[in-house]
Amino acid sequence: SQNVLDETLLAAEIKKQPEIAAMLRDAGAKPLPKPDIDPALLAALAGRYTAPNVPTPATVVLEDGLLKLNGLGRAFEYRPLDAKTFVSLTQPATDKLIFEMDGKNVKGFDFVNAFTKLRFTPEAK
């Protein structure tokens, strides 16, 4: 579908894969708009988070405009849709991080995919 082409083009551009991006454009992919998000807000999302029934904390880092989640035995990359919602580069239709904020403080986020929804909160310091 057009949406899959467009999402894949955006992922190729983010991952700096010009050959793949060119092939996708030739196939009809159109660039998606990139949201304008305050860099300080993005930086505030980084940290360690815990969830019930998840044995080890998850770490969120900001790198090259992406949020990278290391946890659940894997590493995931997410791009912003808006200031609170991030979608997976590999599974944008189903995999999301949805953050809850209290002013400038992160209250937590939901890790959502086709199979589960887990609530993560900042690790106690």
N, C-alpha and C. Protein backbone atom coordinates (compact mmCIF):
# COMPACT_ATOMS: atom_id res chain seq x y z
N SER A 1 0.84 -1.19 0.00
CA SER A 1 0.00 0.00 0.00
C SER A 1 0.88 1.25 0.00
N GLN A 2 0.30 2.38 -0.29
CA GLN A 2 1.04 3.64 -0.33
C GLN A 2 1.65 3.96 1.02
N ASN A 3 0.90 3.72 2.09
CA ASN A 3 1.40 4.02 3.43
C ASN A 3 2.65 3.20 3.75
N VAL A 4 2.67 1.93 3.36
CA VAL A 4 3.84 1.08 3.62
C VAL A 4 5.04 1.60 2.84
N LEU A 5 4.83 1.98 1.58
CA LEU A 5 5.93 2.56 0.78
C LEU A 5 6.47 3.82 1.44
N ASP A 6 5.56 4.70 1.85
CA ASP A 6 5.96 5.98 2.45
C ASP A 6 6.71 5.77 3.77
N GLU A 7 6.21 4.87 4.62
CA GLU A 7 6.87 4.58 5.90
C GLU A 7 8.25 3.97 5.67
N THR A 8 8.35 3.09 4.68
CA THR A 8 9.62 2.43 4.39
C THR A 8 10.63 3.45 3.84
N LEU A 9 10.15 4.39 3.02
CA LEU A 9 11.02 5.45 2.52
C LEU A 9 11.55 6.28 3.68
N LEU A 10 10.69 6.66 4.60
CA LEU A 10 11.14 7.45 5.74
C LEU A 10 12.19 6.69 6.55
N ALA A 11 11.95 5.40 6.79
CA ALA A 11 12.92 4.59 7.53
C ALA A 11 14.26 4.55 6.79
N ALA A 12 14.24 4.39 5.47
CA ALA A 12 15.48 4.35 4.69
C ALA A 12 16.21 5.69 4.77
N GLU A 13 15.47 6.78 4.74
CA GLU A 13 16.11 8.10 4.85
C GLU A 13 16.73 8.29 6.23
N ILE A 14 16.00 7.90 7.26
CA ILE A 14 16.51 8.03 8.63
C ILE A 14 17.76 7.18 8.82
N LYS A 15 17.75 5.98 8.26
CA LYS A 15 18.88 5.06 8.42
C LYS A 15 20.01 5.36 7.43
N LYS A 16 19.84 6.45 6.65
CA LYS A 16 20.85 6.88 5.68
C LYS A 16 21.20 5.76 4.69
N GLN A 17 20.13 5.28 4.01
CA GLN A 17 20.25 4.24 2.99
C GLN A 17 19.76 4.82 1.65
N PRO A 18 20.61 5.66 0.98
CA PRO A 18 20.15 6.37 -0.21
C PRO A 18 19.76 5.46 -1.37
N GLU A 19 20.41 4.32 -1.53
CA GLU A 19 20.07 3.43 -2.65
C GLU A 19 18.66 2.87 -2.48
N ILE A 20 18.34 2.46 -1.25
CA ILE A 20 17.01 1.92 -0.97
C ILE A 20 15.98 3.03 -1.11
N ALA A 21 16.29 4.22 -0.60
CA ALA A 21 15.36 5.35 -0.70
C ALA A 21 15.06 5.67 -2.17
N ALA A 22 16.08 5.64 -3.02
CA ALA A 22 15.88 5.93 -4.45
C ALA A 22 14.96 4.89 -5.09
N MET A 23 15.16 3.62 -4.76
CA MET A 23 14.29 2.57 -5.32
C MET A 23 12.84 2.76 -4.86
N LEU A 24 12.67 3.13 -3.59
CA LEU A 24 11.32 3.35 -3.08
C LEU A 24 10.65 4.54 -3.76
N ARG A 25 11.42 5.63 -3.98
CA ARG A 25 10.86 6.79 -4.70
C ARG A 25 10.45 6.39 -6.10
N ASP A 26 11.29 5.58 -6.77
CA ASP A 26 10.97 5.11 -8.11
C ASP A 26 9.69 4.27 -8.11
N ALA A 27 9.41 3.60 -7.00
CA ALA A 27 8.22 2.76 -6.88
C ALA A 27 6.99 3.58 -6.47
N GLY A 28 7.17 4.90 -6.25
CA GLY A 28 6.03 5.76 -5.94
C GLY A 28 5.94 6.23 -4.51
N ALA A 29 6.94 5.92 -3.68
CA ALA A 29 6.90 6.38 -2.29
C ALA A 29 7.04 7.89 -2.23
N LYS A 30 6.31 8.49 -1.30
CA LYS A 30 6.34 9.94 -1.11
C LYS A 30 6.87 10.24 0.30
N PRO A 31 7.68 11.31 0.42
CA PRO A 31 8.21 11.65 1.75
C PRO A 31 7.10 12.02 2.73
N LEU A 32 7.22 11.53 3.95
CA LEU A 32 6.29 11.90 5.02
C LEU A 32 6.81 13.14 5.73
N PRO A 33 5.91 13.99 6.22
CA PRO A 33 6.36 15.17 6.95
C PRO A 33 7.03 14.76 8.27
N LYS A 34 8.07 15.50 8.63
CA LYS A 34 8.75 15.25 9.90
C LYS A 34 8.25 16.25 10.93
N PRO A 35 7.82 15.77 12.10
CA PRO A 35 7.28 16.68 13.11
C PRO A 35 8.37 17.57 13.70
N ASP A 36 7.97 18.77 14.07
CA ASP A 36 8.89 19.71 14.72
C ASP A 36 8.69 19.58 16.23
N ILE A 37 9.65 18.93 16.89
CA ILE A 37 9.54 18.66 18.32
C ILE A 37 10.70 19.31 19.05
N ASP A 38 10.40 19.94 20.17
CA ASP A 38 11.40 20.59 20.99
C ASP A 38 12.48 19.57 21.40
N PRO A 39 13.74 19.81 21.04
CA PRO A 39 14.82 18.88 21.41
C PRO A 39 14.92 18.63 22.91
N ALA A 40 14.58 19.63 23.74
CA ALA A 40 14.61 19.43 25.20
C ALA A 40 13.57 18.40 25.63
N LEU A 41 12.41 18.39 24.96
CA LEU A 41 11.39 17.40 25.28
C LEU A 41 11.88 16.01 24.91
N LEU A 42 12.48 15.87 23.74
CA LEU A 42 13.02 14.57 23.33
C LEU A 42 14.07 14.09 24.33
N ALA A 43 14.95 14.99 24.74
CA ALA A 43 16.01 14.62 25.69
C ALA A 43 15.42 14.16 27.03
N ALA A 44 14.29 14.74 27.43
CA ALA A 44 13.67 14.38 28.71
C ALA A 44 13.13 12.94 28.69
N LEU A 45 12.89 12.38 27.52
CA LEU A 45 12.34 11.03 27.42
C LEU A 45 13.39 9.95 27.70
N ALA A 46 14.67 10.31 27.56
CA ALA A 46 15.74 9.34 27.78
C ALA A 46 15.80 8.95 29.25
N GLY A 47 16.12 7.69 29.51
CA GLY A 47 16.27 7.24 30.89
C GLY A 47 16.02 5.75 31.01
N ARG A 48 15.98 5.30 32.26
CA ARG A 48 15.72 3.88 32.56
C ARG A 48 14.30 3.76 33.09
N TYR A 49 13.62 2.73 32.62
CA TYR A 49 12.22 2.52 32.96
C TYR A 49 12.00 1.07 33.38
N THR A 50 11.03 0.87 34.27
CA THR A 50 10.68 -0.48 34.69
C THR A 50 9.20 -0.73 34.42
N ALA A 51 8.87 -2.02 34.33
CA ALA A 51 7.48 -2.43 34.12
C ALA A 51 7.20 -3.67 34.97
N PRO A 52 5.97 -3.79 35.47
CA PRO A 52 5.62 -5.00 36.23
C PRO A 52 5.83 -6.24 35.36
N ASN A 53 6.33 -7.29 35.95
CA ASN A 53 6.55 -8.58 35.29
C ASN A 53 7.61 -8.55 34.20
N VAL A 54 8.40 -7.49 34.14
CA VAL A 54 9.54 -7.43 33.22
C VAL A 54 10.78 -7.44 34.11
N PRO A 55 11.62 -8.47 34.01
CA PRO A 55 12.69 -8.67 35.00
C PRO A 55 13.80 -7.62 34.99
N THR A 56 14.07 -6.99 33.87
CA THR A 56 15.16 -6.01 33.84
C THR A 56 14.65 -4.67 33.33
N PRO A 57 15.25 -3.57 33.77
CA PRO A 57 14.83 -2.26 33.30
C PRO A 57 15.08 -2.09 31.80
N ALA A 58 14.32 -1.23 31.20
CA ALA A 58 14.51 -0.86 29.79
C ALA A 58 15.18 0.51 29.78
N THR A 59 16.04 0.72 28.79
CA THR A 59 16.73 1.99 28.65
C THR A 59 16.28 2.66 27.36
N VAL A 60 15.92 3.94 27.48
CA VAL A 60 15.55 4.74 26.31
C VAL A 60 16.65 5.78 26.11
N VAL A 61 17.20 5.82 24.90
CA VAL A 61 18.21 6.83 24.55
C VAL A 61 17.76 7.56 23.30
N LEU A 62 18.20 8.78 23.17
CA LEU A 62 17.94 9.59 21.99
C LEU A 62 19.20 9.59 21.14
N GLU A 63 19.07 9.19 19.88
CA GLU A 63 20.22 9.14 18.99
C GLU A 63 19.77 9.47 17.58
N ASP A 64 20.36 10.51 16.99
CA ASP A 64 20.04 10.92 15.61
C ASP A 64 18.55 11.15 15.40
N GLY A 65 17.88 11.74 16.40
CA GLY A 65 16.46 12.04 16.26
C GLY A 65 15.54 10.86 16.49
N LEU A 66 16.09 9.69 16.80
CA LEU A 66 15.30 8.50 17.07
C LEU A 66 15.34 8.18 18.55
N LEU A 67 14.28 7.55 19.03
CA LEU A 67 14.33 6.97 20.36
C LEU A 67 14.70 5.51 20.19
N LYS A 68 15.68 5.08 20.97
CA LYS A 68 16.09 3.67 20.93
C LYS A 68 15.77 3.06 22.28
N LEU A 69 15.00 2.00 22.24
CA LEU A 69 14.59 1.29 23.44
C LEU A 69 15.38 -0.02 23.50
N ASN A 70 16.15 -0.17 24.55
CA ASN A 70 16.86 -1.42 24.80
C ASN A 70 16.19 -2.09 25.98
N GLY A 71 15.50 -3.18 25.71
CA GLY A 71 14.80 -3.89 26.76
C GLY A 71 14.03 -5.04 26.18
N LEU A 72 13.46 -5.85 27.04
CA LEU A 72 12.68 -7.01 26.61
C LEU A 72 13.53 -7.94 25.74
N GLY A 73 14.84 -7.92 25.99
CA GLY A 73 15.74 -8.80 25.25
C GLY A 73 16.07 -8.35 23.85
N ARG A 74 15.70 -7.14 23.48
CA ARG A 74 15.92 -6.64 22.12
C ARG A 74 16.21 -5.15 22.13
N ALA A 75 16.58 -4.66 20.95
CA ALA A 75 16.73 -3.21 20.74
C ALA A 75 15.71 -2.79 19.69
N PHE A 76 15.02 -1.70 19.95
CA PHE A 76 13.98 -1.18 19.06
C PHE A 76 14.30 0.27 18.72
N GLU A 77 13.93 0.69 17.51
CA GLU A 77 14.10 2.09 17.10
C GLU A 77 12.74 2.68 16.74
N TYR A 78 12.51 3.90 17.23
CA TYR A 78 11.24 4.58 17.01
C TYR A 78 11.47 5.99 16.50
N ARG A 79 10.59 6.42 15.59
CA ARG A 79 10.62 7.79 15.10
C ARG A 79 9.40 8.52 15.64
N PRO A 80 9.51 9.84 15.82
CA PRO A 80 8.37 10.57 16.38
C PRO A 80 7.26 10.78 15.36
N LEU A 81 6.02 10.60 15.82
CA LEU A 81 4.84 11.03 15.07
C LEU A 81 4.45 12.42 15.56
N ASP A 82 4.57 12.59 16.88
CA ASP A 82 4.32 13.87 17.54
C ASP A 82 5.15 13.87 18.82
N ALA A 83 4.92 14.82 19.69
CA ALA A 83 5.77 14.96 20.88
C ALA A 83 5.63 13.81 21.88
N LYS A 84 4.57 13.01 21.78
CA LYS A 84 4.35 11.94 22.75
C LYS A 84 4.25 10.55 22.14
N THR A 85 4.11 10.47 20.83
CA THR A 85 3.88 9.19 20.18
C THR A 85 5.02 8.89 19.22
N PHE A 86 5.59 7.69 19.36
CA PHE A 86 6.71 7.26 18.53
C PHE A 86 6.36 5.91 17.92
N VAL A 87 6.67 5.74 16.64
CA VAL A 87 6.35 4.49 15.95
C VAL A 87 7.64 3.78 15.54
N SER A 88 7.57 2.47 15.52
CA SER A 88 8.70 1.64 15.17
C SER A 88 9.12 1.87 13.72
N LEU A 89 10.42 1.85 13.48
CA LEU A 89 10.90 1.95 12.10
C LEU A 89 10.56 0.69 11.32
N THR A 90 10.51 -0.45 11.98
CA THR A 90 10.28 -1.71 11.26
C THR A 90 8.82 -2.15 11.27
N GLN A 91 8.03 -1.75 12.26
CA GLN A 91 6.62 -2.13 12.35
C GLN A 91 5.76 -0.91 12.68
N PRO A 92 5.75 0.11 11.80
CA PRO A 92 5.07 1.37 12.16
C PRO A 92 3.56 1.24 12.33
N ALA A 93 2.94 0.25 11.72
CA ALA A 93 1.49 0.12 11.83
C ALA A 93 1.06 -0.40 13.19
N THR A 94 1.93 -1.15 13.88
CA THR A 94 1.51 -1.78 15.13
C THR A 94 2.35 -1.43 16.35
N ASP A 95 3.62 -1.12 16.18
CA ASP A 95 4.52 -0.95 17.32
C ASP A 95 4.72 0.53 17.65
N LYS A 96 4.36 0.89 18.90
CA LYS A 96 4.41 2.30 19.31
C LYS A 96 4.92 2.44 20.74
N LEU A 97 5.46 3.61 21.03
CA LEU A 97 5.70 4.07 22.38
C LEU A 97 4.84 5.30 22.55
N ILE A 98 4.02 5.32 23.59
CA ILE A 98 3.14 6.46 23.85
C ILE A 98 3.48 6.99 25.24
N PHE A 99 4.08 8.17 25.28
CA PHE A 99 4.55 8.76 26.53
C PHE A 99 3.46 9.57 27.20
N GLU A 100 3.49 9.56 28.54
CA GLU A 100 2.62 10.40 29.35
C GLU A 100 3.50 11.38 30.10
N MET A 101 3.17 12.65 29.97
CA MET A 101 3.98 13.70 30.58
C MET A 101 3.16 14.43 31.65
N ASP A 102 3.89 14.97 32.63
CA ASP A 102 3.33 15.87 33.63
C ASP A 102 4.20 17.12 33.54
N GLY A 103 3.77 18.06 32.71
CA GLY A 103 4.62 19.21 32.41
C GLY A 103 5.84 18.74 31.64
N LYS A 104 7.02 18.95 32.20
CA LYS A 104 8.25 18.52 31.55
C LYS A 104 8.75 17.18 32.08
N ASN A 105 8.02 16.59 33.02
CA ASN A 105 8.43 15.32 33.62
C ASN A 105 7.72 14.14 32.97
N VAL A 106 8.46 13.09 32.73
CA VAL A 106 7.90 11.88 32.14
C VAL A 106 7.27 11.03 33.24
N LYS A 107 5.99 10.73 33.10
CA LYS A 107 5.32 9.86 34.06
C LYS A 107 5.48 8.40 33.68
N GLY A 108 5.72 8.15 32.38
CA GLY A 108 5.89 6.79 31.90
C GLY A 108 5.52 6.69 30.44
N PHE A 109 5.55 5.47 29.94
CA PHE A 109 5.12 5.24 28.56
C PHE A 109 4.51 3.86 28.43
N ASP A 110 3.66 3.73 27.41
CA ASP A 110 3.10 2.43 27.04
C ASP A 110 3.89 1.89 25.86
N PHE A 111 4.35 0.66 25.98
CA PHE A 111 4.98 -0.09 24.89
C PHE A 111 3.85 -0.90 24.29
N VAL A 112 3.50 -0.60 23.05
CA VAL A 112 2.35 -1.23 22.40
C VAL A 112 2.80 -1.91 21.12
N ASN A 113 2.38 -3.17 20.95
CA ASN A 113 2.57 -3.83 19.66
C ASN A 113 1.34 -4.70 19.39
N ALA A 114 1.41 -5.52 18.37
CA ALA A 114 0.25 -6.31 17.98
C ALA A 114 -0.15 -7.33 19.03
N PHE A 115 0.75 -7.63 19.97
CA PHE A 115 0.49 -8.70 20.93
C PHE A 115 0.31 -8.25 22.37
N THR A 116 0.83 -7.08 22.71
CA THR A 116 0.82 -6.70 24.12
C THR A 116 0.82 -5.18 24.30
N LYS A 117 0.54 -4.78 25.51
CA LYS A 117 0.69 -3.39 25.93
C LYS A 117 1.29 -3.43 27.32
N LEU A 118 2.47 -2.87 27.48
CA LEU A 118 3.15 -2.83 28.76
C LEU A 118 3.32 -1.39 29.21
N ARG A 119 3.09 -1.13 30.47
CA ARG A 119 3.28 0.21 31.04
C ARG A 119 4.63 0.29 31.74
N PHE A 120 5.46 1.22 31.28
CA PHE A 120 6.77 1.46 31.88
C PHE A 120 6.74 2.79 32.62
N THR A 121 7.39 2.83 33.77
CA THR A 121 7.52 4.08 34.53
C THR A 121 9.00 4.33 34.82
N PRO A 122 9.37 5.58 35.05
CA PRO A 122 10.78 5.87 35.32
C PRO A 122 11.29 5.06 36.51
N GLU A 123 12.50 4.57 36.39
CA GLU A 123 13.11 3.80 37.46
C GLU A 123 13.33 4.69 38.67
N ALA A 124 13.02 4.18 39.84
CA ALA A 124 13.24 4.94 41.08
C ALA A 124 14.72 5.16 41.26
N LYS A 125 15.08 6.39 41.68
CA LYS A 125 16.49 6.73 41.84
C LYS A 125 16.93 6.59 43.26
